[in-house]
N, C-alpha and C. Protein backbone atom coordinates (compact mmCIF):
# COMPACT_ATOMS: atom_id res chain seq x y z
N MET A 1 -39.94 -145.05 -68.12
CA MET A 1 -39.65 -143.67 -68.47
C MET A 1 -40.84 -143.10 -69.23
N ASN A 2 -41.21 -141.86 -68.93
CA ASN A 2 -42.26 -141.16 -69.66
C ASN A 2 -41.63 -140.38 -70.81
N ILE A 3 -42.15 -140.60 -72.02
CA ILE A 3 -41.56 -140.03 -73.21
C ILE A 3 -42.65 -139.31 -74.00
N ALA A 4 -42.39 -138.05 -74.36
CA ALA A 4 -43.29 -137.28 -75.21
C ALA A 4 -42.65 -137.12 -76.58
N LEU A 5 -43.39 -137.50 -77.61
CA LEU A 5 -42.96 -137.33 -78.99
C LEU A 5 -43.77 -136.18 -79.57
N ILE A 6 -43.10 -135.12 -79.98
CA ILE A 6 -43.79 -133.92 -80.45
C ILE A 6 -43.54 -133.75 -81.94
N SER A 7 -44.60 -133.95 -82.71
CA SER A 7 -44.54 -133.80 -84.16
C SER A 7 -44.91 -132.37 -84.51
N THR A 8 -43.93 -131.57 -84.96
CA THR A 8 -44.12 -130.13 -85.07
C THR A 8 -44.59 -129.67 -86.45
N SER A 9 -45.04 -130.59 -87.28
CA SER A 9 -45.63 -130.18 -88.56
C SER A 9 -47.13 -129.99 -88.40
N SER A 10 -47.64 -128.91 -88.97
CA SER A 10 -49.08 -128.65 -88.90
C SER A 10 -49.83 -129.30 -90.07
N ARG A 11 -49.12 -129.99 -90.95
CA ARG A 11 -49.77 -130.66 -92.07
C ARG A 11 -50.44 -131.95 -91.61
N LYS A 12 -51.57 -132.26 -92.21
CA LYS A 12 -52.27 -133.50 -91.89
C LYS A 12 -51.47 -134.68 -92.43
N ASN A 13 -51.37 -135.75 -91.62
CA ASN A 13 -50.64 -136.96 -92.01
C ASN A 13 -49.21 -136.65 -92.47
N SER A 14 -48.54 -135.83 -91.71
CA SER A 14 -47.20 -135.37 -92.09
C SER A 14 -46.15 -136.46 -91.92
N ASN A 15 -45.01 -136.23 -92.57
CA ASN A 15 -43.87 -137.13 -92.39
C ASN A 15 -43.35 -137.09 -90.96
N SER A 16 -43.46 -135.93 -90.31
CA SER A 16 -43.04 -135.83 -88.91
C SER A 16 -43.88 -136.74 -88.02
N LEU A 17 -45.19 -136.79 -88.30
CA LEU A 17 -46.07 -137.67 -87.54
C LEU A 17 -45.75 -139.13 -87.84
N ARG A 18 -45.41 -139.44 -89.08
CA ARG A 18 -44.99 -140.81 -89.41
C ARG A 18 -43.80 -141.22 -88.54
N PHE A 19 -42.82 -140.30 -88.43
CA PHE A 19 -41.64 -140.64 -87.64
C PHE A 19 -41.99 -140.79 -86.17
N ALA A 20 -42.82 -139.91 -85.64
CA ALA A 20 -43.23 -140.02 -84.23
C ALA A 20 -43.92 -141.36 -83.98
N ASN A 21 -44.78 -141.77 -84.89
CA ASN A 21 -45.45 -143.06 -84.75
C ASN A 21 -44.46 -144.22 -84.85
N TYR A 22 -43.48 -144.08 -85.72
CA TYR A 22 -42.44 -145.11 -85.82
C TYR A 22 -41.69 -145.26 -84.48
N VAL A 23 -41.30 -144.13 -83.90
CA VAL A 23 -40.58 -144.17 -82.62
C VAL A 23 -41.46 -144.80 -81.55
N ARG A 24 -42.75 -144.47 -81.55
CA ARG A 24 -43.65 -145.08 -80.57
C ARG A 24 -43.70 -146.60 -80.74
N HIS A 25 -43.77 -147.07 -81.99
CA HIS A 25 -43.77 -148.52 -82.23
C HIS A 25 -42.51 -149.16 -81.63
N VAL A 26 -41.36 -148.53 -81.87
CA VAL A 26 -40.10 -149.09 -81.37
C VAL A 26 -40.07 -149.08 -79.85
N LEU A 27 -40.49 -147.96 -79.25
CA LEU A 27 -40.42 -147.82 -77.79
C LEU A 27 -41.40 -148.73 -77.06
N THR A 28 -42.48 -149.08 -77.71
CA THR A 28 -43.49 -149.91 -77.04
C THR A 28 -43.36 -151.39 -77.40
N GLU A 29 -42.26 -151.77 -78.04
CA GLU A 29 -42.01 -153.19 -78.27
C GLU A 29 -41.86 -153.92 -76.94
N THR A 30 -41.37 -153.19 -75.96
CA THR A 30 -41.37 -153.68 -74.58
C THR A 30 -42.26 -152.73 -73.78
N SER A 31 -42.62 -153.11 -72.57
CA SER A 31 -43.54 -152.28 -71.78
C SER A 31 -42.81 -151.34 -70.82
N GLN A 32 -41.56 -150.99 -71.16
CA GLN A 32 -40.76 -150.20 -70.23
C GLN A 32 -41.12 -148.72 -70.23
N HIS A 33 -41.79 -148.24 -71.27
CA HIS A 33 -41.96 -146.80 -71.43
C HIS A 33 -43.43 -146.43 -71.61
N ASP A 34 -43.79 -145.26 -71.05
CA ASP A 34 -45.09 -144.65 -71.33
C ASP A 34 -44.87 -143.57 -72.37
N VAL A 35 -45.50 -143.73 -73.53
CA VAL A 35 -45.21 -142.87 -74.68
C VAL A 35 -46.47 -142.12 -75.10
N SER A 36 -46.34 -140.81 -75.30
CA SER A 36 -47.45 -140.01 -75.83
C SER A 36 -46.96 -139.24 -77.05
N ILE A 37 -47.89 -138.96 -77.96
CA ILE A 37 -47.59 -138.18 -79.15
C ILE A 37 -48.45 -136.92 -79.15
N VAL A 38 -47.81 -135.80 -79.41
CA VAL A 38 -48.52 -134.54 -79.61
C VAL A 38 -48.33 -134.14 -81.07
N ASN A 39 -49.44 -133.91 -81.76
CA ASN A 39 -49.44 -133.59 -83.18
C ASN A 39 -49.81 -132.12 -83.34
N PHE A 40 -49.05 -131.40 -84.16
CA PHE A 40 -49.27 -129.95 -84.32
C PHE A 40 -50.35 -129.61 -85.36
N GLU A 41 -51.15 -130.56 -85.78
CA GLU A 41 -52.20 -130.27 -86.76
C GLU A 41 -53.15 -129.18 -86.26
N ASN A 42 -53.41 -129.17 -84.95
CA ASN A 42 -54.32 -128.18 -84.37
C ASN A 42 -53.57 -127.07 -83.64
N TYR A 43 -52.35 -126.81 -84.06
CA TYR A 43 -51.50 -125.79 -83.44
C TYR A 43 -52.21 -124.43 -83.39
N ASP A 44 -52.20 -123.82 -82.22
CA ASP A 44 -52.86 -122.51 -82.09
C ASP A 44 -52.13 -121.58 -81.11
N ILE A 45 -50.83 -121.81 -80.93
CA ILE A 45 -50.06 -120.91 -80.07
C ILE A 45 -49.82 -119.61 -80.83
N PRO A 46 -50.18 -118.47 -80.25
CA PRO A 46 -49.97 -117.20 -80.97
C PRO A 46 -48.49 -116.93 -81.20
N PHE A 47 -48.19 -116.32 -82.32
CA PHE A 47 -46.80 -116.01 -82.60
C PHE A 47 -46.32 -114.86 -81.72
N VAL A 48 -45.03 -114.87 -81.42
CA VAL A 48 -44.44 -113.84 -80.57
C VAL A 48 -44.80 -112.46 -81.12
N GLY A 49 -45.27 -111.59 -80.23
CA GLY A 49 -45.68 -110.26 -80.63
C GLY A 49 -47.15 -110.15 -80.95
N GLN A 50 -47.83 -111.31 -81.06
CA GLN A 50 -49.25 -111.31 -81.38
C GLN A 50 -50.11 -111.86 -80.25
N GLY A 51 -49.48 -112.24 -79.16
CA GLY A 51 -50.20 -112.80 -78.02
C GLY A 51 -49.26 -113.67 -77.21
N SER A 52 -49.80 -114.32 -76.19
CA SER A 52 -48.98 -115.18 -75.33
C SER A 52 -49.83 -116.35 -74.84
N VAL A 53 -49.14 -117.33 -74.28
CA VAL A 53 -49.81 -118.49 -73.70
C VAL A 53 -50.07 -118.21 -72.23
N LYS A 54 -51.31 -118.31 -71.80
CA LYS A 54 -51.69 -118.00 -70.41
C LYS A 54 -52.05 -119.29 -69.69
N LYS A 55 -51.38 -119.55 -68.58
CA LYS A 55 -51.55 -120.81 -67.85
C LYS A 55 -52.99 -121.07 -67.42
N ASP A 56 -53.74 -120.00 -67.15
CA ASP A 56 -55.10 -120.18 -66.63
C ASP A 56 -56.17 -120.20 -67.73
N SER A 57 -55.76 -120.13 -69.00
CA SER A 57 -56.74 -120.16 -70.09
C SER A 57 -56.16 -120.87 -71.31
N LEU A 58 -55.68 -122.08 -71.09
CA LEU A 58 -55.08 -122.85 -72.18
C LEU A 58 -56.15 -123.41 -73.11
N THR A 59 -55.85 -123.43 -74.39
CA THR A 59 -56.73 -124.10 -75.34
C THR A 59 -56.54 -125.62 -75.21
N ASN A 60 -57.38 -126.38 -75.89
CA ASN A 60 -57.24 -127.84 -75.84
C ASN A 60 -55.88 -128.29 -76.35
N PHE A 61 -55.43 -127.69 -77.45
CA PHE A 61 -54.12 -128.06 -77.99
C PHE A 61 -53.01 -127.70 -77.00
N GLN A 62 -53.06 -126.50 -76.48
CA GLN A 62 -52.02 -126.05 -75.55
C GLN A 62 -51.97 -126.94 -74.31
N GLN A 63 -53.15 -127.31 -73.81
CA GLN A 63 -53.22 -128.19 -72.63
C GLN A 63 -52.62 -129.55 -72.94
N GLU A 64 -52.93 -130.10 -74.11
CA GLU A 64 -52.39 -131.39 -74.50
C GLU A 64 -50.86 -131.34 -74.60
N LEU A 65 -50.35 -130.31 -75.26
CA LEU A 65 -48.90 -130.16 -75.41
C LEU A 65 -48.21 -130.01 -74.07
N ILE A 66 -48.69 -129.10 -73.25
CA ILE A 66 -48.02 -128.81 -71.98
C ILE A 66 -48.13 -130.00 -71.03
N SER A 67 -49.26 -130.68 -70.99
CA SER A 67 -49.42 -131.84 -70.11
C SER A 67 -48.46 -132.96 -70.50
N ALA A 68 -48.37 -133.25 -71.79
CA ALA A 68 -47.47 -134.31 -72.24
C ALA A 68 -46.02 -133.94 -71.95
N TRP A 69 -45.67 -132.70 -72.20
CA TRP A 69 -44.30 -132.22 -72.03
C TRP A 69 -43.91 -132.21 -70.55
N GLU A 70 -44.77 -131.68 -69.69
CA GLU A 70 -44.39 -131.57 -68.27
C GLU A 70 -44.34 -132.94 -67.60
N GLY A 71 -45.08 -133.92 -68.12
CA GLY A 71 -45.05 -135.25 -67.54
C GLY A 71 -43.94 -136.14 -68.07
N ALA A 72 -43.20 -135.64 -69.04
CA ALA A 72 -42.19 -136.46 -69.71
C ALA A 72 -40.81 -136.33 -69.06
N ASP A 73 -40.09 -137.43 -69.05
CA ASP A 73 -38.67 -137.41 -68.71
C ASP A 73 -37.84 -137.08 -69.95
N LEU A 74 -38.29 -137.59 -71.09
CA LEU A 74 -37.61 -137.40 -72.36
C LEU A 74 -38.60 -136.78 -73.35
N VAL A 75 -38.17 -135.71 -74.01
CA VAL A 75 -39.00 -135.03 -75.01
C VAL A 75 -38.26 -135.08 -76.34
N ILE A 76 -38.87 -135.70 -77.34
CA ILE A 76 -38.27 -135.80 -78.67
C ILE A 76 -39.07 -134.94 -79.63
N PHE A 77 -38.40 -133.98 -80.25
CA PHE A 77 -39.03 -133.13 -81.25
C PHE A 77 -38.74 -133.67 -82.65
N ALA A 78 -39.79 -133.89 -83.44
CA ALA A 78 -39.66 -134.27 -84.84
C ALA A 78 -40.08 -133.08 -85.68
N MET A 79 -39.12 -132.54 -86.48
CA MET A 79 -39.36 -131.26 -87.16
C MET A 79 -39.10 -131.37 -88.65
N PRO A 80 -40.07 -130.96 -89.46
CA PRO A 80 -39.82 -130.93 -90.90
C PRO A 80 -38.83 -129.82 -91.24
N GLU A 81 -38.10 -130.04 -92.31
CA GLU A 81 -37.19 -129.00 -92.78
C GLU A 81 -37.91 -128.13 -93.80
N TYR A 82 -38.08 -126.85 -93.47
CA TYR A 82 -38.67 -125.88 -94.39
C TYR A 82 -37.60 -124.85 -94.76
N ASN A 83 -37.23 -124.81 -96.03
CA ASN A 83 -36.22 -123.83 -96.48
C ASN A 83 -34.99 -123.84 -95.59
N TRP A 84 -34.50 -125.04 -95.30
CA TRP A 84 -33.24 -125.28 -94.58
C TRP A 84 -33.26 -124.84 -93.12
N THR A 85 -34.44 -124.80 -92.52
CA THR A 85 -34.49 -124.50 -91.09
C THR A 85 -35.73 -125.16 -90.47
N ALA A 86 -35.90 -124.97 -89.17
CA ALA A 86 -37.04 -125.55 -88.46
C ALA A 86 -38.31 -124.79 -88.80
N PRO A 87 -39.47 -125.44 -88.70
CA PRO A 87 -40.73 -124.74 -88.98
C PRO A 87 -40.99 -123.67 -87.92
N PRO A 88 -41.66 -122.59 -88.30
CA PRO A 88 -41.89 -121.50 -87.33
C PRO A 88 -42.69 -121.94 -86.13
N GLN A 89 -43.58 -122.93 -86.30
CA GLN A 89 -44.38 -123.39 -85.15
C GLN A 89 -43.47 -123.97 -84.06
N ALA A 90 -42.41 -124.67 -84.46
CA ALA A 90 -41.51 -125.29 -83.48
C ALA A 90 -40.75 -124.24 -82.69
N THR A 91 -40.11 -123.31 -83.40
CA THR A 91 -39.33 -122.30 -82.69
C THR A 91 -40.23 -121.35 -81.90
N ASN A 92 -41.40 -121.02 -82.44
CA ASN A 92 -42.32 -120.15 -81.71
C ASN A 92 -42.78 -120.80 -80.41
N THR A 93 -43.00 -122.12 -80.44
CA THR A 93 -43.41 -122.83 -79.22
C THR A 93 -42.35 -122.67 -78.14
N ILE A 94 -41.09 -122.84 -78.51
CA ILE A 94 -40.01 -122.69 -77.54
C ILE A 94 -39.94 -121.27 -77.02
N HIS A 95 -40.07 -120.29 -77.91
CA HIS A 95 -40.02 -118.89 -77.48
C HIS A 95 -41.17 -118.55 -76.53
N GLN A 96 -42.37 -119.04 -76.83
CA GLN A 96 -43.54 -118.71 -76.01
C GLN A 96 -43.53 -119.42 -74.66
N LEU A 97 -42.96 -120.62 -74.61
CA LEU A 97 -42.96 -121.38 -73.36
C LEU A 97 -41.63 -121.28 -72.61
N GLY A 98 -40.70 -120.50 -73.14
CA GLY A 98 -39.36 -120.44 -72.55
C GLY A 98 -39.17 -119.36 -71.51
N GLY A 99 -40.23 -118.96 -70.84
CA GLY A 99 -40.12 -117.93 -69.80
C GLY A 99 -40.46 -118.46 -68.42
N PRO A 100 -40.51 -117.59 -67.44
CA PRO A 100 -40.73 -118.02 -66.05
C PRO A 100 -42.01 -118.82 -65.82
N ALA A 101 -43.09 -118.50 -66.52
CA ALA A 101 -44.36 -119.17 -66.27
C ALA A 101 -44.31 -120.66 -66.58
N PHE A 102 -43.45 -121.04 -67.52
CA PHE A 102 -43.37 -122.44 -67.93
C PHE A 102 -41.96 -123.00 -67.74
N LYS A 103 -41.23 -122.44 -66.80
CA LYS A 103 -39.85 -122.88 -66.54
C LYS A 103 -39.78 -124.37 -66.27
N HIS A 104 -40.80 -124.93 -65.63
CA HIS A 104 -40.77 -126.34 -65.26
C HIS A 104 -40.67 -127.25 -66.48
N LEU A 105 -41.05 -126.76 -67.66
CA LEU A 105 -40.95 -127.57 -68.87
C LEU A 105 -39.51 -127.82 -69.29
N PHE A 106 -38.59 -127.04 -68.73
CA PHE A 106 -37.17 -127.16 -69.07
C PHE A 106 -36.34 -127.65 -67.88
N GLU A 107 -37.02 -128.21 -66.88
CA GLU A 107 -36.34 -128.68 -65.67
C GLU A 107 -36.35 -130.20 -65.62
N ASN A 108 -35.18 -130.80 -65.41
CA ASN A 108 -35.07 -132.26 -65.26
C ASN A 108 -35.60 -133.01 -66.47
N LYS A 109 -35.22 -132.57 -67.64
CA LYS A 109 -35.64 -133.21 -68.88
C LYS A 109 -34.42 -133.57 -69.72
N VAL A 110 -34.63 -134.53 -70.60
CA VAL A 110 -33.70 -134.75 -71.70
C VAL A 110 -34.48 -134.46 -72.97
N PHE A 111 -33.87 -133.67 -73.86
CA PHE A 111 -34.46 -133.35 -75.14
C PHE A 111 -33.65 -134.02 -76.25
N ALA A 112 -34.34 -134.41 -77.31
CA ALA A 112 -33.65 -134.96 -78.48
C ALA A 112 -34.31 -134.40 -79.73
N MET A 113 -33.51 -134.21 -80.78
CA MET A 113 -33.98 -133.52 -81.98
C MET A 113 -33.86 -134.40 -83.22
N VAL A 114 -34.94 -134.38 -84.01
CA VAL A 114 -34.98 -135.12 -85.26
C VAL A 114 -35.44 -134.17 -86.37
N GLY A 115 -34.67 -134.12 -87.45
CA GLY A 115 -35.06 -133.36 -88.63
C GLY A 115 -35.65 -134.28 -89.67
N ILE A 116 -36.78 -133.89 -90.24
CA ILE A 116 -37.54 -134.76 -91.15
C ILE A 116 -37.49 -134.20 -92.56
N SER A 117 -37.24 -135.08 -93.54
CA SER A 117 -37.23 -134.66 -94.93
C SER A 117 -37.80 -135.76 -95.81
N ASN A 118 -38.39 -135.36 -96.94
CA ASN A 118 -38.77 -136.37 -97.92
C ASN A 118 -37.68 -136.56 -98.97
N GLY A 119 -36.58 -135.82 -98.78
CA GLY A 119 -35.39 -135.98 -99.62
C GLY A 119 -34.19 -136.29 -98.75
N ARG A 120 -33.08 -135.59 -99.02
CA ARG A 120 -31.85 -135.82 -98.26
C ARG A 120 -31.57 -134.59 -97.40
N GLY A 121 -32.40 -134.36 -96.41
CA GLY A 121 -32.24 -133.20 -95.55
C GLY A 121 -32.62 -133.51 -94.13
N GLY A 122 -32.76 -132.46 -93.32
CA GLY A 122 -33.21 -132.62 -91.95
C GLY A 122 -32.21 -132.19 -90.90
N ARG A 123 -30.96 -132.02 -91.28
CA ARG A 123 -29.95 -131.69 -90.28
C ARG A 123 -30.15 -130.29 -89.68
N GLN A 124 -30.43 -129.31 -90.55
CA GLN A 124 -30.46 -127.94 -90.07
C GLN A 124 -31.55 -127.66 -89.05
N PRO A 125 -32.79 -128.13 -89.23
CA PRO A 125 -33.80 -127.86 -88.19
C PRO A 125 -33.43 -128.48 -86.84
N ALA A 126 -32.80 -129.66 -86.87
CA ALA A 126 -32.39 -130.29 -85.61
C ALA A 126 -31.29 -129.48 -84.93
N LEU A 127 -30.34 -128.97 -85.73
CA LEU A 127 -29.29 -128.13 -85.17
C LEU A 127 -29.85 -126.81 -84.63
N ASP A 128 -30.75 -126.20 -85.39
CA ASP A 128 -31.32 -124.92 -84.96
C ASP A 128 -32.09 -125.06 -83.65
N MET A 129 -32.89 -126.11 -83.53
CA MET A 129 -33.66 -126.31 -82.31
C MET A 129 -32.77 -126.69 -81.13
N THR A 130 -31.68 -127.40 -81.41
CA THR A 130 -30.72 -127.70 -80.35
C THR A 130 -30.18 -126.40 -79.75
N THR A 131 -29.83 -125.46 -80.62
CA THR A 131 -29.30 -124.17 -80.16
C THR A 131 -30.33 -123.42 -79.32
N VAL A 132 -31.57 -123.35 -79.81
CA VAL A 132 -32.60 -122.59 -79.11
C VAL A 132 -32.94 -123.21 -77.76
N VAL A 133 -33.11 -124.53 -77.73
CA VAL A 133 -33.47 -125.19 -76.47
C VAL A 133 -32.33 -125.09 -75.46
N ASN A 134 -31.09 -125.26 -75.92
CA ASN A 134 -29.95 -125.08 -75.00
C ASN A 134 -29.93 -123.67 -74.42
N LYS A 135 -30.24 -122.69 -75.24
CA LYS A 135 -30.23 -121.30 -74.75
C LYS A 135 -31.32 -121.09 -73.70
N ILE A 136 -32.51 -121.67 -73.92
CA ILE A 136 -33.59 -121.54 -72.94
C ILE A 136 -33.23 -122.24 -71.64
N ILE A 137 -32.63 -123.42 -71.73
CA ILE A 137 -32.19 -124.12 -70.52
C ILE A 137 -31.23 -123.24 -69.73
N SER A 138 -30.29 -122.63 -70.42
CA SER A 138 -29.33 -121.75 -69.77
C SER A 138 -30.02 -120.50 -69.20
N PHE A 139 -30.87 -119.87 -70.01
CA PHE A 139 -31.52 -118.62 -69.62
C PHE A 139 -32.39 -118.82 -68.38
N THR A 140 -33.09 -119.96 -68.30
CA THR A 140 -33.98 -120.21 -67.16
C THR A 140 -33.24 -120.86 -65.99
N ASN A 141 -31.92 -121.03 -66.14
CA ASN A 141 -31.10 -121.64 -65.10
C ASN A 141 -31.64 -123.02 -64.71
N SER A 142 -32.05 -123.79 -65.72
CA SER A 142 -32.62 -125.11 -65.49
C SER A 142 -31.55 -126.18 -65.61
N TYR A 143 -31.90 -127.37 -65.15
CA TYR A 143 -30.98 -128.50 -65.21
C TYR A 143 -31.58 -129.57 -66.11
N SER A 144 -31.32 -129.40 -67.39
CA SER A 144 -31.73 -130.35 -68.41
C SER A 144 -30.61 -130.46 -69.42
N ILE A 145 -30.79 -131.35 -70.39
CA ILE A 145 -29.75 -131.55 -71.39
C ILE A 145 -30.40 -131.87 -72.73
N VAL A 146 -29.76 -131.41 -73.79
CA VAL A 146 -30.14 -131.81 -75.14
C VAL A 146 -29.17 -132.90 -75.57
N SER A 147 -29.69 -134.06 -75.91
CA SER A 147 -28.82 -135.16 -76.32
C SER A 147 -27.98 -134.75 -77.52
N PRO A 148 -26.69 -135.06 -77.51
CA PRO A 148 -25.82 -134.61 -78.60
C PRO A 148 -26.06 -135.31 -79.93
N LYS A 149 -26.70 -136.47 -79.92
CA LYS A 149 -26.95 -137.17 -81.18
C LYS A 149 -28.31 -136.77 -81.73
N LEU A 150 -28.30 -136.13 -82.90
CA LEU A 150 -29.54 -135.84 -83.60
C LEU A 150 -29.75 -136.87 -84.70
N TYR A 151 -30.96 -136.86 -85.27
CA TYR A 151 -31.24 -137.81 -86.35
C TYR A 151 -31.79 -137.07 -87.55
N GLU A 152 -31.29 -137.42 -88.73
CA GLU A 152 -31.80 -136.90 -89.99
C GLU A 152 -32.62 -138.00 -90.65
N SER A 153 -33.92 -137.79 -90.72
CA SER A 153 -34.81 -138.78 -91.33
C SER A 153 -34.93 -138.48 -92.82
N HIS A 154 -34.08 -139.14 -93.62
CA HIS A 154 -34.07 -138.94 -95.06
C HIS A 154 -35.17 -139.75 -95.73
N GLU A 155 -35.74 -139.20 -96.81
CA GLU A 155 -36.72 -139.94 -97.62
C GLU A 155 -37.75 -140.64 -96.73
N THR A 156 -38.29 -139.87 -95.81
CA THR A 156 -39.16 -140.42 -94.77
C THR A 156 -40.35 -141.17 -95.34
N ASP A 157 -40.98 -140.59 -96.37
CA ASP A 157 -42.18 -141.22 -96.93
C ASP A 157 -41.87 -142.50 -97.70
N LYS A 158 -40.61 -142.71 -98.05
CA LYS A 158 -40.22 -143.96 -98.71
C LYS A 158 -39.84 -145.04 -97.70
N ASN A 159 -39.55 -144.64 -96.47
CA ASN A 159 -39.11 -145.59 -95.45
C ASN A 159 -40.17 -145.92 -94.40
N LEU A 160 -41.17 -145.04 -94.26
CA LEU A 160 -42.23 -145.24 -93.26
C LEU A 160 -43.58 -145.06 -93.92
N ASP A 161 -44.53 -145.94 -93.62
CA ASP A 161 -45.86 -145.76 -94.18
C ASP A 161 -46.66 -144.76 -93.34
N GLU A 162 -47.93 -144.54 -93.68
CA GLU A 162 -48.72 -143.51 -93.01
C GLU A 162 -48.94 -143.78 -91.53
N ASN A 163 -48.79 -145.03 -91.12
CA ASN A 163 -48.94 -145.39 -89.71
C ASN A 163 -47.62 -145.48 -88.96
N GLY A 164 -46.54 -145.11 -89.64
CA GLY A 164 -45.24 -145.15 -89.00
C GLY A 164 -44.60 -146.52 -88.98
N GLN A 165 -45.10 -147.44 -89.80
CA GLN A 165 -44.48 -148.76 -89.91
C GLN A 165 -43.33 -148.69 -90.90
N PHE A 166 -42.23 -149.36 -90.55
CA PHE A 166 -41.05 -149.35 -91.41
C PHE A 166 -41.31 -150.16 -92.68
N ILE A 167 -41.00 -149.55 -93.84
CA ILE A 167 -41.20 -150.23 -95.13
C ILE A 167 -40.00 -150.05 -96.06
N GLY A 168 -38.92 -149.47 -95.58
CA GLY A 168 -37.86 -149.01 -96.48
C GLY A 168 -36.55 -149.76 -96.39
N HIS A 169 -35.48 -149.00 -96.53
CA HIS A 169 -34.13 -149.53 -96.61
C HIS A 169 -33.62 -149.88 -95.22
N GLU A 170 -32.89 -150.98 -95.12
CA GLU A 170 -32.44 -151.44 -93.80
C GLU A 170 -31.52 -150.43 -93.12
N VAL A 171 -30.82 -149.62 -93.92
CA VAL A 171 -29.94 -148.60 -93.32
C VAL A 171 -30.75 -147.59 -92.52
N TYR A 172 -31.93 -147.25 -93.04
CA TYR A 172 -32.79 -146.31 -92.33
C TYR A 172 -33.17 -146.85 -90.97
N GLU A 173 -33.66 -148.08 -90.92
CA GLU A 173 -34.10 -148.63 -89.64
C GLU A 173 -32.92 -148.82 -88.69
N ARG A 174 -31.79 -149.25 -89.22
CA ARG A 174 -30.62 -149.46 -88.37
C ARG A 174 -30.18 -148.14 -87.73
N THR A 175 -30.12 -147.07 -88.52
CA THR A 175 -29.67 -145.79 -87.97
C THR A 175 -30.72 -145.15 -87.07
N ALA A 176 -32.00 -145.33 -87.40
CA ALA A 176 -33.06 -144.78 -86.55
C ALA A 176 -33.06 -145.47 -85.18
N ARG A 177 -32.92 -146.78 -85.19
CA ARG A 177 -32.88 -147.51 -83.92
C ARG A 177 -31.63 -147.16 -83.12
N ALA A 178 -30.52 -146.93 -83.81
CA ALA A 178 -29.30 -146.52 -83.10
C ALA A 178 -29.51 -145.17 -82.42
N PHE A 179 -30.20 -144.25 -83.11
CA PHE A 179 -30.53 -142.95 -82.51
C PHE A 179 -31.41 -143.13 -81.27
N ILE A 180 -32.42 -143.97 -81.38
CA ILE A 180 -33.33 -144.20 -80.25
C ILE A 180 -32.58 -144.81 -79.07
N ASP A 181 -31.75 -145.82 -79.34
CA ASP A 181 -30.99 -146.46 -78.26
C ASP A 181 -30.05 -145.47 -77.58
N TYR A 182 -29.36 -144.67 -78.38
CA TYR A 182 -28.44 -143.68 -77.82
C TYR A 182 -29.20 -142.68 -76.95
N THR A 183 -30.34 -142.21 -77.46
CA THR A 183 -31.14 -141.22 -76.72
C THR A 183 -31.63 -141.79 -75.40
N LEU A 184 -32.06 -143.03 -75.41
CA LEU A 184 -32.50 -143.67 -74.16
C LEU A 184 -31.35 -143.82 -73.18
N ASN A 185 -30.17 -144.17 -73.67
CA ASN A 185 -29.01 -144.31 -72.78
C ASN A 185 -28.63 -142.98 -72.15
N VAL A 186 -28.62 -141.92 -72.94
CA VAL A 186 -28.34 -140.59 -72.39
C VAL A 186 -29.38 -140.23 -71.34
N SER A 187 -30.63 -140.50 -71.63
CA SER A 187 -31.71 -140.17 -70.69
C SER A 187 -31.56 -140.92 -69.38
N GLN A 188 -31.26 -142.21 -69.48
CA GLN A 188 -31.13 -143.01 -68.27
C GLN A 188 -29.95 -142.54 -67.42
N ARG A 189 -28.87 -142.14 -68.06
CA ARG A 189 -27.72 -141.64 -67.29
C ARG A 189 -28.01 -140.29 -66.66
N TRP A 190 -28.65 -139.39 -67.41
CA TRP A 190 -28.92 -138.05 -66.91
C TRP A 190 -29.98 -138.06 -65.82
N LEU A 191 -30.99 -138.93 -65.98
CA LEU A 191 -32.14 -138.90 -65.09
C LEU A 191 -32.11 -139.99 -64.03
N ALA A 192 -31.05 -140.77 -63.99
CA ALA A 192 -31.02 -141.98 -63.14
C ALA A 192 -31.53 -141.76 -61.71
N PRO A 193 -31.04 -140.76 -60.96
CA PRO A 193 -31.53 -140.60 -59.57
C PRO A 193 -33.03 -140.34 -59.52
N ASN A 194 -33.55 -139.48 -60.42
CA ASN A 194 -34.97 -139.16 -60.43
C ASN A 194 -35.82 -140.36 -60.84
N LEU A 195 -35.33 -141.13 -61.80
CA LEU A 195 -36.08 -142.29 -62.24
C LEU A 195 -36.21 -143.32 -61.12
N VAL A 196 -35.14 -143.46 -60.34
CA VAL A 196 -35.19 -144.39 -59.22
C VAL A 196 -36.18 -143.92 -58.17
N GLU A 197 -36.19 -142.59 -57.93
CA GLU A 197 -37.05 -142.04 -56.88
C GLU A 197 -38.53 -142.07 -57.26
N THR A 198 -38.83 -141.80 -58.57
CA THR A 198 -40.23 -141.55 -58.93
C THR A 198 -40.89 -142.70 -59.68
N LYS A 199 -40.12 -143.65 -60.19
CA LYS A 199 -40.73 -144.71 -60.99
C LYS A 199 -40.91 -145.98 -60.17
């Protein structure tokens, strides 16, 4: 399965990137998956009303994001919680790519949402992005699904080091792995015919 992990924090060495790296470590313990990470440190998508993303003149960041996303069967968004909601870069990305020109990004995919916090938070950004992505799937008349199980990464910097290696409480790793396993199972069920045909 091709999996894209999208870290939507524009901060350098962010907790969202730590979580994305952690998921990559878990997914590559076996050789069953091709995993890529897109980091928003070089984010340059214009905000709605200030410009648009043009397919024939993508920046390096935009090309990296779109290539990883369109090649993925499963797309996992890792989003920091800012003032009890998702970061503007995350929602703006969905708004800018959620039209006819990029409809294929919402076709035959499974999406999963993770909210990242250095305290006891993360639920709201995952819920907010679930709502927005579901609406885009419906609006574009696409056939994709957002996995119903989201993950709240609490005290991320205490549980994962800068390289995404687990260093924390066993409850964190147990629940994170349960989220990953559930997400993979949903993906395999939703994508089973396509995975058989194309893999």
